[in-house]
């Protein structure tokens, strides 16, 4: 059974339209979440709004919204003033254009939604729009109003339905130059690039998200279960940082031979004080547990 629809409206392509519903394509329901509690009583804590200057608790009828013009100086915006600039939702996704999929910069992709026909009467028109996009291998761009804000949404075929992804606006992206301009251009030999290419070839694979394992989430669940059963949580020893001084060509050659892990292990053993350390994976899992605690 599908969850409750997040949005209902009409998908429109010129004179062709059909009722549709949107469902969030992602969920955080399975994530381990913690609440703030009182250590002495074990009761859950509730948050209160406090005046930053006086320290007094502010009641709900005293709360307002303000925009900071300069440090400590705010202009208050009334709720009715906000309503005056809010875009009225007409519950219509009016397709404005179709663009090649590869032209959409991935940095613009924001929140994904499943788009499905709303009722049997909408299926024919829905299928026509969906299959036309499949044939042309194009992505539709349209405007949609969600939570009183206008968004650009990219719509593309996804199995029997459509996938709609809201896009960020240009002002939300940072300019890459401020992060990349200081990266130097060292002289890299052709042999190094070819060796790296061989390593890439040996690790070539297909995208399979089923192989993604959230080890931190697994460790959190194990931590909670162990703590709830009254078992002691053992804290790990601090991990030694590996040396950053390496011979790049040697590292490439050893990586290609599959000896990178063994070499690193030997290097750590030489730096060890003689005390035996746990296996790397077990060490990391325990470290994650300690952080969660």
C-alpha atoms as a PDB file:
ATOM      1  CA  UNK A   1       0.000   0.000   0.000  1.00  0.00           C
ATOM      2  CA  UNK A   2       1.427   3.358  -1.062  1.00  0.00           C
ATOM      3  CA  UNK A   3       1.922   6.007   1.657  1.00  0.00           C
ATOM      4  CA  UNK A   4      -0.145   9.159   1.797  1.00  0.00           C
ATOM      5  CA  UNK A   5       0.468  11.479  -1.154  1.00  0.00           C
ATOM      6  CA  UNK A   6       2.698  14.484  -0.467  1.00  0.00           C
ATOM      7  CA  UNK A   7       1.125  16.566  -3.249  1.00  0.00           C
ATOM      8  CA  UNK A   8      -1.848  16.249  -5.573  1.00  0.00           C
ATOM      9  CA  UNK A   9      -2.437  18.171  -8.771  1.00  0.00           C
ATOM     10  CA  UNK A  10      -2.329  18.076 -12.554  1.00  0.00           C
ATOM     11  CA  UNK A  11       0.522  17.279 -14.928  1.00  0.00           C
ATOM     12  CA  UNK A  12       0.022  19.318 -18.081  1.00  0.00           C
ATOM     13  CA  UNK A  13       1.688  19.077 -21.492  1.00  0.00           C
ATOM     14  CA  UNK A  14       0.163  21.689 -23.793  1.00  0.00           C
ATOM     15  CA  UNK A  15      -3.513  20.646 -24.050  1.00  0.00           C
ATOM     16  CA  UNK A  16      -2.906  17.172 -22.577  1.00  0.00           C
ATOM     17  CA  UNK A  17      -3.354  16.980 -18.827  1.00  0.00           C
ATOM     18  CA  UNK A  18      -3.869  14.306 -16.189  1.00  0.00           C
ATOM     19  CA  UNK A  19      -4.252  14.206 -12.410  1.00  0.00           C
ATOM     20  CA  UNK A  20      -1.086  13.070 -10.624  1.00  0.00           C
ATOM     21  CA  UNK A  21       0.201  12.517  -7.112  1.00  0.00           C
ATOM     22  CA  UNK A  22       3.712  12.995  -5.703  1.00  0.00           C
ATOM     23  CA  UNK A  23       5.318  10.751  -3.107  1.00  0.00           C
ATOM     24  CA  UNK A  24       8.730  11.399  -1.498  1.00  0.00           C
ATOM     25  CA  UNK A  25      11.200   8.954  -3.065  1.00  0.00           C
ATOM     26  CA  UNK A  26      13.430   8.905   0.023  1.00  0.00           C
ATOM     27  CA  UNK A  27      12.865   8.265   3.727  1.00  0.00           C
ATOM     28  CA  UNK A  28      14.812   8.642   6.938  1.00  0.00           C
ATOM     29  CA  UNK A  29      12.410   6.484   8.965  1.00  0.00           C
ATOM     30  CA  UNK A  30      14.966   3.694   9.417  1.00  0.00           C
ATOM     31  CA  UNK A  31      17.710   5.983  10.706  1.00  0.00           C
ATOM     32  CA  UNK A  32      18.645   5.595  14.355  1.00  0.00           C
ATOM     33  CA  UNK A  33      17.605   8.749  16.204  1.00  0.00           C
ATOM     34  CA  UNK A  34      18.401   9.956  19.706  1.00  0.00           C
ATOM     35  CA  UNK A  35      16.472  12.232  22.051  1.00  0.00           C
ATOM     36  CA  UNK A  36      17.880  14.575  24.663  1.00  0.00           C
ATOM     37  CA  UNK A  37      17.151  13.245  28.157  1.00  0.00           C
ATOM     38  CA  UNK A  38      17.719  14.241  31.771  1.00  0.00           C
ATOM     39  CA  UNK A  39      20.585  12.069  33.037  1.00  0.00           C
ATOM     40  CA  UNK A  40      19.206  12.142  36.595  1.00  0.00           C
ATOM     41  CA  UNK A  41      15.566  11.220  35.880  1.00  0.00           C
ATOM     42  CA  UNK A  42      15.830   9.561  32.482  1.00  0.00           C
ATOM     43  CA  UNK A  43      12.984  11.787  31.250  1.00  0.00           C
ATOM     44  CA  UNK A  44      12.959  13.363  27.808  1.00  0.00           C
ATOM     45  CA  UNK A  45      13.822  17.059  27.599  1.00  0.00           C
ATOM     46  CA  UNK A  46      11.818  19.669  25.721  1.00  0.00           C
ATOM     47  CA  UNK A  47      13.299  22.748  24.114  1.00  0.00           C
ATOM     48  CA  UNK A  48      12.363  26.307  24.946  1.00  0.00           C
ATOM     49  CA  UNK A  49      13.032  29.533  23.091  1.00  0.00           C
ATOM     50  CA  UNK A  50      15.186  31.908  25.151  1.00  0.00           C
ATOM     51  CA  UNK A  51      15.950  35.584  24.569  1.00  0.00           C
ATOM     52  CA  UNK A  52      19.618  35.735  23.568  1.00  0.00           C
ATOM     53  CA  UNK A  53      20.219  38.932  25.577  1.00  0.00           C
ATOM     54  CA  UNK A  54      18.023  38.650  28.686  1.00  0.00           C
ATOM     55  CA  UNK A  55      17.979  34.867  29.014  1.00  0.00           C
ATOM     56  CA  UNK A  56      14.204  34.952  29.606  1.00  0.00           C
ATOM     57  CA  UNK A  57      11.992  32.153  28.258  1.00  0.00           C
ATOM     58  CA  UNK A  58       9.880  33.459  25.358  1.00  0.00           C
ATOM     59  CA  UNK A  59       6.287  32.254  25.167  1.00  0.00           C
ATOM     60  CA  UNK A  60       4.685  31.284  21.861  1.00  0.00           C
ATOM     61  CA  UNK A  61       2.615  34.493  21.596  1.00  0.00           C
ATOM     62  CA  UNK A  62       5.818  36.552  21.840  1.00  0.00           C
ATOM     63  CA  UNK A  63       7.626  34.806  19.008  1.00  0.00           C
ATOM     64  CA  UNK A  64       8.059  36.545  15.654  1.00  0.00           C
ATOM     65  CA  UNK A  65      10.175  36.378  12.520  1.00  0.00           C
ATOM     66  CA  UNK A  66      12.942  38.813  11.770  1.00  0.00           C
ATOM     67  CA  UNK A  67      15.567  39.286   9.071  1.00  0.00           C
ATOM     68  CA  UNK A  68      19.035  40.324  10.251  1.00  0.00           C
ATOM     69  CA  UNK A  69      19.995  43.515   8.440  1.00  0.00           C
ATOM     70  CA  UNK A  70      23.295  43.790  10.292  1.00  0.00           C
ATOM     71  CA  UNK A  71      24.796  42.263  13.406  1.00  0.00           C
ATOM     72  CA  UNK A  72      22.096  42.312  16.100  1.00  0.00           C
ATOM     73  CA  UNK A  73      19.722  44.519  14.063  1.00  0.00           C
ATOM     74  CA  UNK A  74      16.544  42.816  12.815  1.00  0.00           C
ATOM     75  CA  UNK A  75      13.541  43.909  10.814  1.00  0.00           C
ATOM     76  CA  UNK A  76      10.397  42.093  11.932  1.00  0.00           C
ATOM     77  CA  UNK A  77       8.201  40.514   9.249  1.00  0.00           C
ATOM     78  CA  UNK A  78       4.550  39.941  10.103  1.00  0.00           C
ATOM     79  CA  UNK A  79       2.782  36.689   9.070  1.00  0.00           C
ATOM     80  CA  UNK A  80       0.333  38.564   6.833  1.00  0.00           C
ATOM     81  CA  UNK A  81       3.249  40.292   5.106  1.00  0.00           C
ATOM     82  CA  UNK A  82       4.754  36.905   4.313  1.00  0.00           C
ATOM     83  CA  UNK A  83       1.424  35.750   2.930  1.00  0.00           C
ATOM     84  CA  UNK A  84       1.460  38.716   0.541  1.00  0.00           C
ATOM     85  CA  UNK A  85       4.557  37.391  -1.245  1.00  0.00           C
ATOM     86  CA  UNK A  86       3.744  33.685  -1.079  1.00  0.00           C
ATOM     87  CA  UNK A  87       3.000  32.124  -4.429  1.00  0.00           C
ATOM     88  CA  UNK A  88      -0.486  30.704  -4.688  1.00  0.00           C
ATOM     89  CA  UNK A  89      -0.393  27.018  -5.438  1.00  0.00           C
ATOM     90  CA  UNK A  90      -2.435  26.272  -8.533  1.00  0.00           C
ATOM     91  CA  UNK A  91      -1.667  22.553  -8.162  1.00  0.00           C
ATOM     92  CA  UNK A  92      -0.466  22.343 -11.742  1.00  0.00           C
ATOM     93  CA  UNK A  93       2.818  21.047 -13.095  1.00  0.00           C
ATOM     94  CA  UNK A  94       2.918  22.826 -16.439  1.00  0.00           C
ATOM     95  CA  UNK A  95       5.757  21.407 -18.543  1.00  0.00           C
ATOM     96  CA  UNK A  96       7.666  24.302 -20.108  1.00  0.00           C
ATOM     97  CA  UNK A  97      10.457  22.543 -21.988  1.00  0.00           C
ATOM     98  CA  UNK A  98      12.334  19.293 -22.583  1.00  0.00           C
ATOM     99  CA  UNK A  99      16.111  19.097 -22.260  1.00  0.00           C
ATOM    100  CA  UNK A 100      18.716  16.381 -22.854  1.00  0.00           C
ATOM    101  CA  UNK A 101      19.324  14.440 -19.653  1.00  0.00           C
ATOM    102  CA  UNK A 102      23.105  14.880 -19.822  1.00  0.00           C
ATOM    103  CA  UNK A 103      22.798  18.689 -19.776  1.00  0.00           C
ATOM    104  CA  UNK A 104      21.486  18.782 -16.196  1.00  0.00           C
ATOM    105  CA  UNK A 105      24.382  19.487 -13.844  1.00  0.00           C
ATOM    106  CA  UNK A 106      24.126  17.015 -10.957  1.00  0.00           C
ATOM    107  CA  UNK A 107      24.807  19.791  -8.458  1.00  0.00           C
ATOM    108  CA  UNK A 108      21.333  21.149  -9.160  1.00  0.00           C
ATOM    109  CA  UNK A 109      19.554  17.915  -8.172  1.00  0.00           C
ATOM    110  CA  UNK A 110      17.734  18.294  -4.864  1.00  0.00           C
ATOM    111  CA  UNK A 111      14.776  16.205  -3.626  1.00  0.00           C
ATOM    112  CA  UNK A 112      13.358  13.248  -5.623  1.00  0.00           C
ATOM    113  CA  UNK A 113       9.652  12.371  -5.823  1.00  0.00           C
ATOM    114  CA  UNK A 114       7.717   9.564  -7.439  1.00  0.00           C
ATOM    115  CA  UNK A 115       5.026  10.875  -9.783  1.00  0.00           C
ATOM    116  CA  UNK A 116       2.064   8.541 -10.377  1.00  0.00           C
ATOM    117  CA  UNK A 117      -1.343   8.911 -12.066  1.00  0.00           C
ATOM    118  CA  UNK A 118      -4.171   9.814  -9.709  1.00  0.00           C
ATOM    119  CA  UNK A 119      -6.981   7.413 -10.566  1.00  0.00           C
ATOM    120  CA  UNK A 120      -7.772   5.139 -13.511  1.00  0.00           C
ATOM    121  CA  UNK A 121      -9.034   7.987 -15.696  1.00  0.00           C
ATOM    122  CA  UNK A 122      -5.562   9.567 -15.658  1.00  0.00           C
ATOM    123  CA  UNK A 123      -3.628   6.501 -16.827  1.00  0.00           C
ATOM    124  CA  UNK A 124      -3.948   7.018 -20.597  1.00  0.00           C
ATOM    125  CA  UNK A 125      -2.771  10.637 -20.638  1.00  0.00           C
ATOM    126  CA  UNK A 126      -0.065   9.794 -18.105  1.00  0.00           C
ATOM    127  CA  UNK A 127       1.242   6.952 -20.267  1.00  0.00           C
ATOM    128  CA  UNK A 128       1.295   9.166 -23.376  1.00  0.00           C
ATOM    129  CA  UNK A 129       3.446  11.816 -21.653  1.00  0.00           C
ATOM    130  CA  UNK A 130       5.717   9.189 -20.076  1.00  0.00           C
ATOM    131  CA  UNK A 131       6.287   7.192 -23.274  1.00  0.00           C
ATOM    132  CA  UNK A 132       6.870  10.309 -25.372  1.00  0.00           C
ATOM    133  CA  UNK A 133       9.711  11.262 -23.034  1.00  0.00           C
ATOM    134  CA  UNK A 134      11.102   7.723 -23.263  1.00  0.00           C
ATOM    135  CA  UNK A 135      11.151   7.875 -27.047  1.00  0.00           C
ATOM    136  CA  UNK A 136      12.874  11.258 -27.129  1.00  0.00           C
ATOM    137  CA  UNK A 137      15.189  10.522 -24.157  1.00  0.00           C
ATOM    138  CA  UNK A 138      14.399  13.953 -22.776  1.00  0.00           C
ATOM    139  CA  UNK A 139      13.739  15.355 -19.323  1.00  0.00           C
ATOM    140  CA  UNK A 140      10.804  17.698 -18.771  1.00  0.00           C
ATOM    141  CA  UNK A 141      11.306  20.957 -16.877  1.00  0.00           C
ATOM    142  CA  UNK A 142       8.335  22.507 -15.115  1.00  0.00           C
ATOM    143  CA  UNK A 143       7.392  24.711 -12.178  1.00  0.00           C
ATOM    144  CA  UNK A 144       5.674  23.439  -9.047  1.00  0.00           C
ATOM    145  CA  UNK A 145       4.671  25.084  -5.768  1.00  0.00           C
ATOM    146  CA  UNK A 146       5.578  23.075  -2.654  1.00  0.00           C
ATOM    147  CA  UNK A 147       5.157  24.452   0.879  1.00  0.00           C
ATOM    148  CA  UNK A 148       4.435  27.948  -0.463  1.00  0.00           C
ATOM    149  CA  UNK A 149       7.662  28.109  -2.460  1.00  0.00           C
ATOM    150  CA  UNK A 150       8.097  27.774  -6.181  1.00  0.00           C
ATOM    151  CA  UNK A 151      10.484  25.119  -7.430  1.00  0.00           C
ATOM    152  CA  UNK A 152      11.779  23.952 -10.769  1.00  0.00           C
ATOM    153  CA  UNK A 153      11.194  20.226 -11.136  1.00  0.00           C
ATOM    154  CA  UNK A 154      12.857  17.864 -13.617  1.00  0.00           C
ATOM    155  CA  UNK A 155      10.607  14.973 -14.649  1.00  0.00           C
ATOM    156  CA  UNK A 156      11.778  11.795 -16.354  1.00  0.00           C
ATOM    157  CA  UNK A 157      10.414   8.282 -16.983  1.00  0.00           C
ATOM    158  CA  UNK A 158      11.003   5.774 -14.200  1.00  0.00           C
ATOM    159  CA  UNK A 159       9.636   2.297 -14.822  1.00  0.00           C
ATOM    160  CA  UNK A 160       5.853   2.526 -15.101  1.00  0.00           C
ATOM    161  CA  UNK A 161       5.836   5.988 -13.550  1.00  0.00           C
ATOM    162  CA  UNK A 162       7.809   9.215 -13.505  1.00  0.00           C
ATOM    163  CA  UNK A 163      10.560  10.551 -11.288  1.00  0.00           C
ATOM    164  CA  UNK A 164      10.379  14.223 -10.429  1.00  0.00           C
ATOM    165  CA  UNK A 165      13.422  15.893  -8.888  1.00  0.00           C
ATOM    166  CA  UNK A 166      13.306  19.449  -7.609  1.00  0.00           C
ATOM    167  CA  UNK A 167      16.282  21.527  -8.712  1.00  0.00           C
ATOM    168  CA  UNK A 168      18.304  24.070  -6.798  1.00  0.00           C
ATOM    169  CA  UNK A 169      18.438  27.622  -8.077  1.00  0.00           C
ATOM    170  CA  UNK A 170      21.781  29.020  -9.293  1.00  0.00           C
ATOM    171  CA  UNK A 171      22.158  31.236  -6.208  1.00  0.00           C
ATOM    172  CA  UNK A 172      22.216  28.086  -4.046  1.00  0.00           C
ATOM    173  CA  UNK A 173      25.385  26.749  -5.683  1.00  0.00           C
ATOM    174  CA  UNK A 174      28.867  27.778  -4.695  1.00  0.00           C
ATOM    175  CA  UNK A 175      31.365  28.729  -7.369  1.00  0.00           C
ATOM    176  CA  UNK A 176      33.807  25.859  -7.832  1.00  0.00           C
ATOM    177  CA  UNK A 177      36.672  28.222  -8.666  1.00  0.00           C
ATOM    178  CA  UNK A 178      37.041  29.339  -5.045  1.00  0.00           C
ATOM    179  CA  UNK A 179      37.826  25.738  -4.109  1.00  0.00           C
ATOM    180  CA  UNK A 180      39.813  24.602  -7.147  1.00  0.00           C
ATOM    181  CA  UNK A 181      41.868  27.670  -8.127  1.00  0.00           C
ATOM    182  CA  UNK A 182      44.632  26.918  -5.615  1.00  0.00           C
ATOM    183  CA  UNK A 183      45.099  23.333  -6.815  1.00  0.00           C
ATOM    184  CA  UNK A 184      48.519  23.161  -8.413  1.00  0.00           C
ATOM    185  CA  UNK A 185      49.287  21.393 -11.697  1.00  0.00           C
ATOM    186  CA  UNK A 186      52.270  19.133 -10.915  1.00  0.00           C
ATOM    187  CA  UNK A 187      54.228  17.329 -13.581  1.00  0.00           C
ATOM    188  CA  UNK A 188      52.882  13.777 -13.611  1.00  0.00           C
ATOM    189  CA  UNK A 189      54.667  11.241 -15.777  1.00  0.00           C
ATOM    190  CA  UNK A 190      52.802   9.249 -18.379  1.00  0.00           C
ATOM    191  CA  UNK A 191      53.851   6.022 -16.614  1.00  0.00           C
ATOM    192  CA  UNK A 192      52.078   7.125 -13.425  1.00  0.00           C
ATOM    193  CA  UNK A 193      48.864   7.919 -15.276  1.00  0.00           C
ATOM    194  CA  UNK A 194      48.990   4.573 -17.106  1.00  0.00           C
ATOM    195  CA  UNK A 195      49.559   2.691 -13.837  1.00  0.00           C
ATOM    196  CA  UNK A 196      46.614   4.504 -12.237  1.00  0.00           C
ATOM    197  CA  UNK A 197      44.561   3.637 -15.318  1.00  0.00           C
ATOM    198  CA  UNK A 198      45.386  -0.052 -14.878  1.00  0.00           C
ATOM    199  CA  UNK A 199      44.260   0.125 -11.237  1.00  0.00           C
ATOM    200  CA  UNK A 200      40.976   1.708 -12.340  1.00  0.00           C
ATOM    201  CA  UNK A 201      40.527  -1.078 -14.867  1.00  0.00           C
ATOM    202  CA  UNK A 202      40.979  -3.787 -12.234  1.00  0.00           C
ATOM    203  CA  UNK A 203      38.324  -2.118 -10.068  1.00  0.00           C
ATOM    204  CA  UNK A 204      35.822  -1.517 -12.892  1.00  0.00           C
ATOM    205  CA  UNK A 205      32.254  -2.387 -11.864  1.00  0.00           C
ATOM    206  CA  UNK A 206      28.616  -1.446 -12.379  1.00  0.00           C
ATOM    207  CA  UNK A 207      26.647   0.827 -10.072  1.00  0.00           C
ATOM    208  CA  UNK A 208      24.910  -1.414  -7.538  1.00  0.00           C
ATOM    209  CA  UNK A 209      23.489   0.470  -4.511  1.00  0.00           C
ATOM    210  CA  UNK A 210      22.487  -2.897  -3.031  1.00  0.00           C
ATOM    211  CA  UNK A 211      26.150  -3.289  -2.066  1.00  0.00           C
ATOM    212  CA  UNK A 212      26.147  -0.062  -0.060  1.00  0.00           C
ATOM    213  CA  UNK A 213      26.308  -0.857   3.644  1.00  0.00           C
ATOM    214  CA  UNK A 214      25.780   1.823   6.269  1.00  0.00           C
ATOM    215  CA  UNK A 215      28.277   0.433   8.763  1.00  0.00           C
ATOM    216  CA  UNK A 216      27.829   3.371  11.122  1.00  0.00           C
ATOM    217  CA  UNK A 217      24.046   2.777  11.301  1.00  0.00           C
ATOM    218  CA  UNK A 218      24.674  -0.932  11.959  1.00  0.00           C
ATOM    219  CA  UNK A 219      27.159  -0.050  14.696  1.00  0.00           C
ATOM    220  CA  UNK A 220      24.664   2.381  16.264  1.00  0.00           C
ATOM    221  CA  UNK A 221      21.954  -0.293  16.431  1.00  0.00           C
ATOM    222  CA  UNK A 222      24.428  -2.750  17.959  1.00  0.00           C
ATOM    223  CA  UNK A 223      25.508  -0.126  20.494  1.00  0.00           C
ATOM    224  CA  UNK A 224      21.911   0.594  21.560  1.00  0.00           C
ATOM    225  CA  UNK A 225      21.100  -3.124  21.824  1.00  0.00           C
ATOM    226  CA  UNK A 226      24.233  -3.825  23.877  1.00  0.00           C
ATOM    227  CA  UNK A 227      23.673  -0.849  26.175  1.00  0.00           C
ATOM    228  CA  UNK A 228      19.983  -1.729  26.676  1.00  0.00           C
ATOM    229  CA  UNK A 229      20.943  -5.263  27.718  1.00  0.00           C
ATOM    230  CA  UNK A 230      23.271  -3.875  30.389  1.00  0.00           C
ATOM    231  CA  UNK A 231      26.525  -4.916  28.734  1.00  0.00           C
ATOM    232  CA  UNK A 232      29.666  -2.836  29.076  1.00  0.00           C
ATOM    233  CA  UNK A 233      30.759  -0.677  26.146  1.00  0.00           C
ATOM    234  CA  UNK A 234      34.514  -0.963  25.606  1.00  0.00           C
ATOM    235  CA  UNK A 235      36.189   2.142  24.260  1.00  0.00           C
ATOM    236  CA  UNK A 236      38.806   1.692  21.516  1.00  0.00           C
ATOM    237  CA  UNK A 237      42.398   2.800  21.629  1.00  0.00           C
ATOM    238  CA  UNK A 238      43.158   5.912  19.553  1.00  0.00           C
ATOM    239  CA  UNK A 239      44.196   5.031  16.025  1.00  0.00           C
ATOM    240  CA  UNK A 240      47.655   6.073  14.876  1.00  0.00           C
ATOM    241  CA  UNK A 241      47.712   8.339  11.855  1.00  0.00           C
ATOM    242  CA  UNK A 242      49.658   6.864   8.926  1.00  0.00           C
ATOM    243  CA  UNK A 243      52.611   8.762   7.545  1.00  0.00           C
ATOM    244  CA  UNK A 244      51.836  11.054   4.604  1.00  0.00           C
ATOM    245  CA  UNK A 245      55.327  10.622   3.175  1.00  0.00           C
ATOM    246  CA  UNK A 246      55.007   8.129   0.320  1.00  0.00           C
ATOM    247  CA  UNK A 247      56.651   7.373  -2.964  1.00  0.00           C
ATOM    248  CA  UNK A 248      53.817   7.808  -5.441  1.00  0.00           C
ATOM    249  CA  UNK A 249      55.277   5.493  -8.093  1.00  0.00           C
ATOM    250  CA  UNK A 250      55.934   2.739  -5.523  1.00  0.00           C
ATOM    251  CA  UNK A 251      52.403   3.095  -4.150  1.00  0.00           C
ATOM    252  CA  UNK A 252      50.924   2.786  -7.656  1.00  0.00           C
ATOM    253  CA  UNK A 253      52.989  -0.297  -8.457  1.00  0.00           C
ATOM    254  CA  UNK A 254      52.145  -2.013  -5.183  1.00  0.00           C
ATOM    255  CA  UNK A 255      48.460  -1.139  -5.551  1.00  0.00           C
ATOM    256  CA  UNK A 256      48.451  -2.757  -8.986  1.00  0.00           C
ATOM    257  CA  UNK A 257      50.000  -5.891  -7.529  1.00  0.00           C
ATOM    258  CA  UNK A 258      47.418  -5.944  -4.753  1.00  0.00           C
ATOM    259  CA  UNK A 259      50.030  -5.449  -2.048  1.00  0.00           C
ATOM    260  CA  UNK A 260      48.917  -1.981  -0.930  1.00  0.00           C
ATOM    261  CA  UNK A 261      47.070  -3.319   2.105  1.00  0.00           C
ATOM    262  CA  UNK A 262      49.927  -5.613   3.136  1.00  0.00           C
ATOM    263  CA  UNK A 263      52.496  -2.823   2.879  1.00  0.00           C
ATOM    264  CA  UNK A 264      50.347  -0.509   4.992  1.00  0.00           C
ATOM    265  CA  UNK A 265      49.914  -3.247   7.594  1.00  0.00           C
ATOM    266  CA  UNK A 266      53.684  -3.838   7.785  1.00  0.00           C
ATOM    267  CA  UNK A 267      54.256  -0.089   8.133  1.00  0.00           C
ATOM    268  CA  UNK A 268      51.805   0.097  11.036  1.00  0.00           C
ATOM    269  CA  UNK A 269      53.445  -2.922  12.663  1.00  0.00           C
ATOM    270  CA  UNK A 270      56.848  -1.220  12.575  1.00  0.00           C
ATOM    271  CA  UNK A 271      55.372   1.864  14.262  1.00  0.00           C
ATOM    272  CA  UNK A 272      53.569  -0.213  16.873  1.00  0.00           C
ATOM    273  CA  UNK A 273      54.833  -0.253  20.446  1.00  0.00           C
ATOM    274  CA  UNK A 274      54.515  -4.010  20.508  1.00  0.00           C
ATOM    275  CA  UNK A 275      50.919  -4.053  21.761  1.00  0.00           C
ATOM    276  CA  UNK A 276      48.659  -6.137  19.553  1.00  0.00           C
ATOM    277  CA  UNK A 277      45.844  -4.146  17.932  1.00  0.00           C
ATOM    278  CA  UNK A 278      42.428  -5.390  16.831  1.00  0.00           C
ATOM    279  CA  UNK A 279      41.546  -5.965  13.205  1.00  0.00           C
ATOM    280  CA  UNK A 280      40.975  -2.809  11.184  1.00  0.00           C
ATOM    281  CA  UNK A 281      37.266  -3.353  10.509  1.00  0.00           C
ATOM    282  CA  UNK A 282      36.504  -4.286  14.116  1.00  0.00           C
ATOM    283  CA  UNK A 283      38.494  -1.266  15.278  1.00  0.00           C
ATOM    284  CA  UNK A 284      36.502   1.098  13.083  1.00  0.00           C
ATOM    285  CA  UNK A 285      33.180  -0.392  14.168  1.00  0.00           C
ATOM    286  CA  UNK A 286      34.107   0.063  17.829  1.00  0.00           C
ATOM    287  CA  UNK A 287      35.244   3.630  17.121  1.00  0.00           C
ATOM    288  CA  UNK A 288      31.887   4.426  15.626  1.00  0.00           C
ATOM    289  CA  UNK A 289      30.168   3.000  18.704  1.00  0.00           C
ATOM    290  CA  UNK A 290      32.206   5.213  20.990  1.00  0.00           C
ATOM    291  CA  UNK A 291      31.321   8.295  18.938  1.00  0.00           C
ATOM    292  CA  UNK A 292      27.645   7.401  19.152  1.00  0.00           C
ATOM    293  CA  UNK A 293      27.886   7.121  22.906  1.00  0.00           C
END
